[in-house]
Amino acid sequence: MKKSRLLFGLLIVLSTISSSCDHKERNVVLSKSVVSMENIKASDANNDGNVNFNSNNVQITVPVDKKKIIKDGNMSIKSIDIAESKKGIDELVKKHNAYYDSEELQNNDSRISYDLKIRIPSENFEKFISQIEQGKDEISNKSIHSRDVTAEFVDTEARLNNKREYLKRYKDLLSKAASVKDILAIEENIRTLQEEIESKEGLLKYLSDQVAYSTLDISLYKENEYIYKAKQKDKFIERIKRSLSDGWTSIVDFLLWILTIWPFIILILAATYIFRSRIKKRKVKQQENA
């Protein structure tokens, strides 16, 4: 009985700590330094080329070459020979171990265009863009963006490690639980922690992918020269046939329209008849009075 009470007491303590860990992860818990997003601030690079992040008394040093940077950009390219330009981009994609995330072709009278979304290894991103700029085509628009997610990455990793420690503790408690009440309470906390861990792992996976592969959106297009094309007319006999057919169709449509408004026609005829009858009666009375 005492053992069951002791386990239940430990369960309550762990539940209280776990529920508030997202708000108090700035403290050192279970010997794991958790860096809060609200307190992580990047300082200027020091003399050793490192960047420091502080969380209360915990200091984490991240080397510059280990920073997590997400790079992306978009370019609009006016091509002279779009087939040759597309072939050149294909070769660059292959050369730099990149790949097409999406590719869309549009071809109409005014222009031919490719909308390309390319994922490029981050270490080859600048080289890829530089080699495009060295081509013969005109760069009509270019925009490059970088986003430092080191703080978010470090914080997520720390929170994830913290939750894994709690999960391990709960599993240890589950093996020692004696009552059904304790088992159900521990299993519920384990389920919640597992969901949170999966969410954090998914976020880390997404950030890692965005850091490892930069995204470049390219609009490759070529304006088509306007060529006037005279509209070809049918032969005279065909035009006569079409006119007769259109005339007959108009007559049929008119008759059908008359049939659809027959109640209104009857009302108009009746009103006309009554109106004329009254006028006729008035004339007769006037003549009699005269």
Protein backbone atom coordinates (compact mmCIF):
# COMPACT_ATOMS: atom_id res chain seq x y z
CA MET A 1 0.00 0.00 0.00
CA LYS A 2 2.83 2.40 0.91
CA LYS A 3 4.60 1.47 -2.33
CA SER A 4 1.48 2.32 -4.35
CA ARG A 5 1.11 5.67 -2.59
CA LEU A 6 4.77 6.45 -3.18
CA LEU A 7 4.41 5.68 -6.92
CA PHE A 8 1.27 7.79 -7.13
CA GLY A 9 3.07 10.65 -5.40
CA LEU A 10 5.96 10.45 -7.85
CA LEU A 11 3.44 10.39 -10.69
CA ILE A 12 1.82 13.61 -9.49
CA VAL A 13 5.20 15.32 -9.15
CA LEU A 14 6.28 14.26 -12.65
CA SER A 15 2.93 15.30 -14.14
CA THR A 16 3.22 18.74 -12.54
CA ILE A 17 6.77 19.21 -13.80
CA SER A 18 5.95 17.88 -17.29
CA SER A 19 2.90 20.12 -17.75
CA SER A 20 4.94 23.20 -16.90
CA CYS A 21 8.15 22.19 -18.64
CA ASP A 22 7.25 24.13 -21.84
CA HIS A 23 6.97 27.33 -19.77
CA LYS A 24 10.03 26.70 -17.55
CA GLU A 25 12.48 25.03 -19.88
CA ARG A 26 14.89 27.88 -19.41
CA ASN A 27 16.14 26.12 -16.25
CA VAL A 28 18.47 23.16 -16.19
CA VAL A 29 16.21 20.07 -15.88
CA LEU A 30 17.51 16.53 -15.60
CA SER A 31 21.02 17.81 -16.38
CA LYS A 32 19.85 18.93 -19.88
CA SER A 33 20.26 22.57 -20.82
CA VAL A 34 17.03 23.75 -22.43
CA VAL A 35 17.28 27.00 -24.34
CA SER A 36 14.05 29.04 -24.40
CA MET A 37 13.13 30.74 -27.69
CA GLU A 38 12.22 33.92 -25.83
CA ASN A 39 15.69 34.17 -24.23
CA ILE A 40 17.89 32.94 -27.08
CA LYS A 41 19.65 35.88 -28.60
CA ALA A 42 22.45 35.68 -31.07
CA SER A 43 25.40 37.86 -30.24
CA ASP A 44 27.98 39.11 -32.68
CA ALA A 45 30.61 36.61 -33.81
CA ASN A 46 33.55 36.55 -31.40
CA ASN A 47 37.20 36.45 -32.27
CA ASP A 48 37.11 32.66 -32.68
CA GLY A 49 34.38 32.85 -35.32
CA ASN A 50 31.70 31.46 -32.94
CA VAL A 51 28.19 32.67 -32.15
CA ASN A 52 26.91 32.48 -28.53
CA PHE A 53 23.38 31.84 -27.29
CA ASN A 54 22.54 32.60 -23.66
CA SER A 55 19.71 31.26 -21.52
CA ASN A 56 20.02 32.50 -17.93
CA ASN A 57 23.27 30.94 -16.69
CA VAL A 58 23.47 28.39 -19.51
CA GLN A 59 25.67 29.33 -22.45
CA ILE A 60 25.73 27.43 -25.73
CA THR A 61 28.35 28.24 -28.34
CA VAL A 62 27.50 27.47 -31.96
CA PRO A 63 30.36 27.62 -34.50
CA VAL A 64 29.61 29.75 -37.54
CA ASP A 65 30.01 26.78 -39.88
CA LYS A 66 27.38 24.89 -37.85
CA LYS A 67 24.71 27.57 -38.01
CA LYS A 68 21.39 26.56 -39.51
CA ILE A 69 20.62 28.89 -42.42
CA ILE A 70 17.65 28.49 -44.75
CA LYS A 71 18.26 30.06 -48.16
CA ASP A 72 15.74 30.53 -50.92
CA GLY A 73 15.19 32.82 -53.85
CA ASN A 74 13.36 33.49 -57.08
CA MET A 75 14.49 34.62 -60.52
CA SER A 76 12.77 35.74 -63.71
CA ILE A 77 14.79 35.02 -66.84
CA LYS A 78 13.97 36.37 -70.30
CA SER A 79 15.32 33.86 -72.78
CA ILE A 80 16.53 34.28 -76.34
CA ASP A 81 16.17 30.57 -77.14
CA ILE A 82 13.98 28.97 -74.49
CA ALA A 83 14.73 25.40 -75.54
CA GLU A 84 18.47 26.03 -75.20
CA SER A 85 17.98 27.88 -71.90
CA LYS A 86 15.93 25.04 -70.44
CA LYS A 87 18.59 22.56 -71.53
CA GLY A 88 21.24 24.66 -69.78
CA ILE A 89 19.26 24.70 -66.53
CA ASP A 90 18.79 20.92 -66.78
CA GLU A 91 22.55 20.52 -67.01
CA LEU A 92 23.10 22.77 -63.98
CA VAL A 93 20.55 20.77 -61.99
CA LYS A 94 22.40 17.57 -62.79
CA LYS A 95 25.83 19.11 -62.19
CA HIS A 96 24.99 20.43 -58.71
CA ASN A 97 23.04 17.34 -57.54
CA ALA A 98 19.81 19.35 -57.42
CA TYR A 99 16.34 18.23 -58.46
CA TYR A 100 13.07 19.67 -59.77
CA ASP A 101 10.42 19.90 -57.08
CA SER A 102 7.93 21.03 -59.73
CA GLU A 103 8.01 21.96 -63.41
CA GLU A 104 5.21 23.60 -65.40
CA LEU A 105 5.12 24.61 -69.07
CA GLN A 106 2.77 27.22 -70.54
CA ASN A 107 2.62 27.89 -74.27
CA ASN A 108 0.27 30.42 -75.84
CA ASP A 109 0.29 33.00 -78.64
CA SER A 110 2.02 35.68 -76.56
CA ARG A 111 4.73 33.71 -74.74
CA ILE A 112 6.30 30.37 -73.83
CA SER A 113 7.23 30.00 -70.17
CA TYR A 114 8.54 27.45 -67.66
CA ASP A 115 7.73 27.74 -63.97
CA LEU A 116 10.46 25.78 -62.16
CA LYS A 117 10.91 25.01 -58.48
CA ILE A 118 14.42 23.65 -57.90
CA ARG A 119 15.84 22.18 -54.68
CA ILE A 120 19.60 22.73 -54.55
CA PRO A 121 22.11 21.52 -51.94
CA SER A 122 22.78 24.60 -49.83
CA GLU A 123 26.54 24.46 -50.41
CA ASN A 124 25.90 24.73 -54.19
CA PHE A 125 23.20 27.41 -54.05
CA GLU A 126 25.41 30.44 -54.79
CA LYS A 127 27.35 28.57 -57.49
CA PHE A 128 24.11 27.57 -59.20
CA ILE A 129 22.84 31.16 -59.31
CA SER A 130 26.23 32.52 -60.40
CA GLN A 131 26.40 30.15 -63.36
CA ILE A 132 22.87 31.10 -64.45
CA GLU A 133 23.85 34.77 -64.35
CA GLN A 134 26.87 34.06 -66.55
CA GLY A 135 24.59 32.85 -69.35
CA LYS A 136 23.37 34.82 -72.36
CA ASP A 137 19.82 35.29 -71.09
CA GLU A 138 18.55 38.47 -69.44
CA ILE A 139 17.85 38.35 -65.68
CA SER A 140 14.74 40.52 -65.37
CA ASN A 141 14.21 39.89 -61.66
CA LYS A 142 16.20 38.33 -58.82
CA SER A 143 15.46 38.01 -55.11
CA ILE A 144 17.47 35.96 -52.56
CA HIS A 145 16.47 35.45 -48.91
CA SER A 146 18.30 33.90 -45.95
CA ARG A 147 16.84 32.97 -42.57
CA ASP A 148 18.84 31.93 -39.52
CA VAL A 149 16.99 29.14 -37.68
CA THR A 150 19.88 28.11 -35.41
CA ALA A 151 18.09 29.30 -32.28
CA GLU A 152 14.88 27.51 -33.25
CA PHE A 153 16.82 24.35 -34.09
CA VAL A 154 18.79 24.33 -30.81
CA ASP A 155 15.69 25.08 -28.77
CA THR A 156 13.68 22.31 -30.46
CA GLU A 157 16.48 19.78 -29.94
CA ALA A 158 16.74 20.72 -26.26
CA ARG A 159 12.99 20.44 -25.74
CA LEU A 160 12.98 17.11 -27.55
CA ASN A 161 15.76 15.70 -25.34
CA ASN A 162 13.93 16.95 -22.27
CA LYS A 163 10.69 15.23 -23.29
CA ARG A 164 12.56 11.99 -24.04
CA GLU A 165 13.96 12.04 -20.50
CA TYR A 166 10.47 12.45 -19.09
CA LEU A 167 9.19 9.65 -21.31
CA LYS A 168 11.93 7.35 -20.00
CA ARG A 169 10.98 8.21 -16.41
CA TYR A 170 7.29 7.53 -17.07
CA LYS A 171 8.07 4.17 -18.64
CA ASP A 172 10.13 3.25 -15.57
CA LEU A 173 7.20 4.23 -13.35
CA LEU A 174 4.80 2.22 -15.52
CA SER A 175 6.79 -0.96 -14.91
CA LYS A 176 6.50 -0.39 -11.16
CA ALA A 177 2.87 0.77 -10.98
CA ALA A 178 0.60 -1.50 -8.92
CA SER A 179 -2.89 -0.01 -9.23
CA VAL A 180 -5.04 0.36 -12.36
CA LYS A 181 -5.50 4.06 -11.58
CA ASP A 182 -1.75 4.65 -11.60
CA ILE A 183 -1.28 2.65 -14.81
CA LEU A 184 -3.99 4.59 -16.69
CA ALA A 185 -2.65 7.96 -15.51
CA ILE A 186 0.92 7.06 -16.50
CA GLU A 187 -0.16 5.71 -19.90
CA GLU A 188 -2.06 8.94 -20.63
CA ASN A 189 1.06 11.00 -19.86
CA ILE A 190 3.15 8.66 -22.01
CA ARG A 191 0.73 9.08 -24.93
CA THR A 192 0.84 12.87 -24.63
CA LEU A 193 4.64 12.90 -24.48
CA GLN A 194 4.95 10.60 -27.49
CA GLU A 195 2.74 12.93 -29.54
CA GLU A 196 4.83 15.93 -28.51
CA ILE A 197 8.05 14.07 -29.32
CA GLU A 198 6.75 13.12 -32.78
CA SER A 199 5.79 16.76 -33.40
CA LYS A 200 9.25 18.01 -32.39
CA GLU A 201 10.95 15.30 -34.49
CA GLY A 202 8.83 16.35 -37.48
CA LEU A 203 9.82 19.99 -36.99
CA LEU A 204 13.53 19.06 -36.77
CA LYS A 205 13.23 16.95 -39.90
CA TYR A 206 11.56 19.81 -41.77
CA LEU A 207 14.16 22.36 -40.63
CA SER A 208 17.01 20.00 -41.52
CA ASP A 209 15.59 19.50 -45.01
CA GLN A 210 15.14 23.25 -45.52
CA VAL A 211 18.70 23.89 -44.36
CA ALA A 212 20.23 21.08 -46.42
CA TYR A 213 18.42 22.02 -49.65
CA SER A 214 17.78 25.60 -50.74
CA THR A 215 14.74 26.41 -52.88
CA LEU A 216 14.99 28.46 -56.07
CA ASP A 217 11.89 29.44 -58.07
CA ILE A 218 12.67 30.27 -61.69
CA SER A 219 10.32 31.82 -64.23
CA LEU A 220 11.93 31.18 -67.61
CA TYR A 221 10.06 32.80 -70.50
CA LYS A 222 10.29 33.98 -74.09
CA GLU A 223 7.98 36.52 -75.69
CA ASN A 224 6.53 35.29 -78.97
CA GLU A 225 6.54 37.63 -81.97
CA TYR A 226 3.03 38.67 -82.90
CA ILE A 227 2.01 37.31 -86.29
CA TYR A 228 -1.25 38.44 -87.87
CA LYS A 229 -3.30 35.54 -89.14
CA ALA A 230 -6.19 36.34 -91.45
CA LYS A 231 -9.34 34.50 -90.57
CA GLN A 232 -10.23 32.06 -93.30
CA LYS A 233 -13.81 32.31 -94.57
CA ASP A 234 -15.93 29.43 -95.78
CA LYS A 235 -17.00 29.07 -99.39
CA PHE A 236 -20.00 31.08 -100.64
CA ILE A 237 -22.28 28.05 -100.80
CA GLU A 238 -21.41 27.07 -97.24
CA ARG A 239 -22.17 30.61 -96.07
CA ILE A 240 -25.60 30.49 -97.80
CA LYS A 241 -26.37 27.17 -96.11
CA ARG A 242 -25.37 28.58 -92.73
CA SER A 243 -27.50 31.71 -93.28
CA LEU A 244 -30.59 29.66 -94.22
CA SER A 245 -30.02 27.42 -91.22
CA ASP A 246 -29.61 30.42 -88.91
CA GLY A 247 -32.78 32.04 -90.36
CA TRP A 248 -34.86 28.90 -89.83
CA THR A 249 -33.46 28.57 -86.30
CA SER A 250 -34.49 32.18 -85.59
CA ILE A 251 -38.06 31.49 -86.78
CA VAL A 252 -38.32 28.39 -84.61
CA ASP A 253 -36.91 30.24 -81.62
CA PHE A 254 -39.45 33.06 -82.16
CA LEU A 255 -42.39 30.65 -82.34
CA LEU A 256 -41.20 28.86 -79.22
CA TRP A 257 -40.90 32.21 -77.46
CA ILE A 258 -44.48 33.08 -78.48
CA LEU A 259 -45.66 29.78 -77.01
CA THR A 260 -43.92 30.51 -73.72
CA ILE A 261 -45.73 33.88 -73.29
CA TRP A 262 -49.22 32.73 -74.43
CA PRO A 263 -50.90 33.70 -71.09
CA PHE A 264 -49.70 37.30 -71.52
CA ILE A 265 -50.94 37.39 -75.13
CA ILE A 266 -54.41 36.26 -74.02
CA LEU A 267 -54.46 38.91 -71.28
CA ILE A 268 -53.43 41.63 -73.76
CA LEU A 269 -56.08 40.55 -76.31
CA ALA A 270 -58.75 40.46 -73.59
CA ALA A 271 -57.78 43.90 -72.29
CA THR A 272 -57.82 45.30 -75.85
CA TYR A 273 -61.28 43.83 -76.50
CA ILE A 274 -62.71 45.28 -73.26
CA PHE A 275 -61.14 48.69 -73.93
CA ARG A 276 -62.58 48.87 -77.46
CA SER A 277 -66.01 47.71 -76.27
CA ARG A 278 -66.18 50.50 -73.72
CA ILE A 279 -65.13 53.11 -76.27
CA LYS A 280 -67.76 51.82 -78.68
CA LYS A 281 -70.48 52.00 -75.99
CA ARG A 282 -69.49 55.57 -75.12
CA LYS A 283 -69.78 56.62 -78.77
CA VAL A 284 -73.24 55.00 -79.02
CA LYS A 285 -74.48 56.84 -75.89
CA GLN A 286 -73.11 60.13 -77.18
CA GLN A 287 -74.97 59.66 -80.45
CA GLU A 288 -78.22 58.82 -78.64
CA ASN A 289 -77.92 61.88 -76.40
CA ALA A 290 -77.22 64.07 -79.39
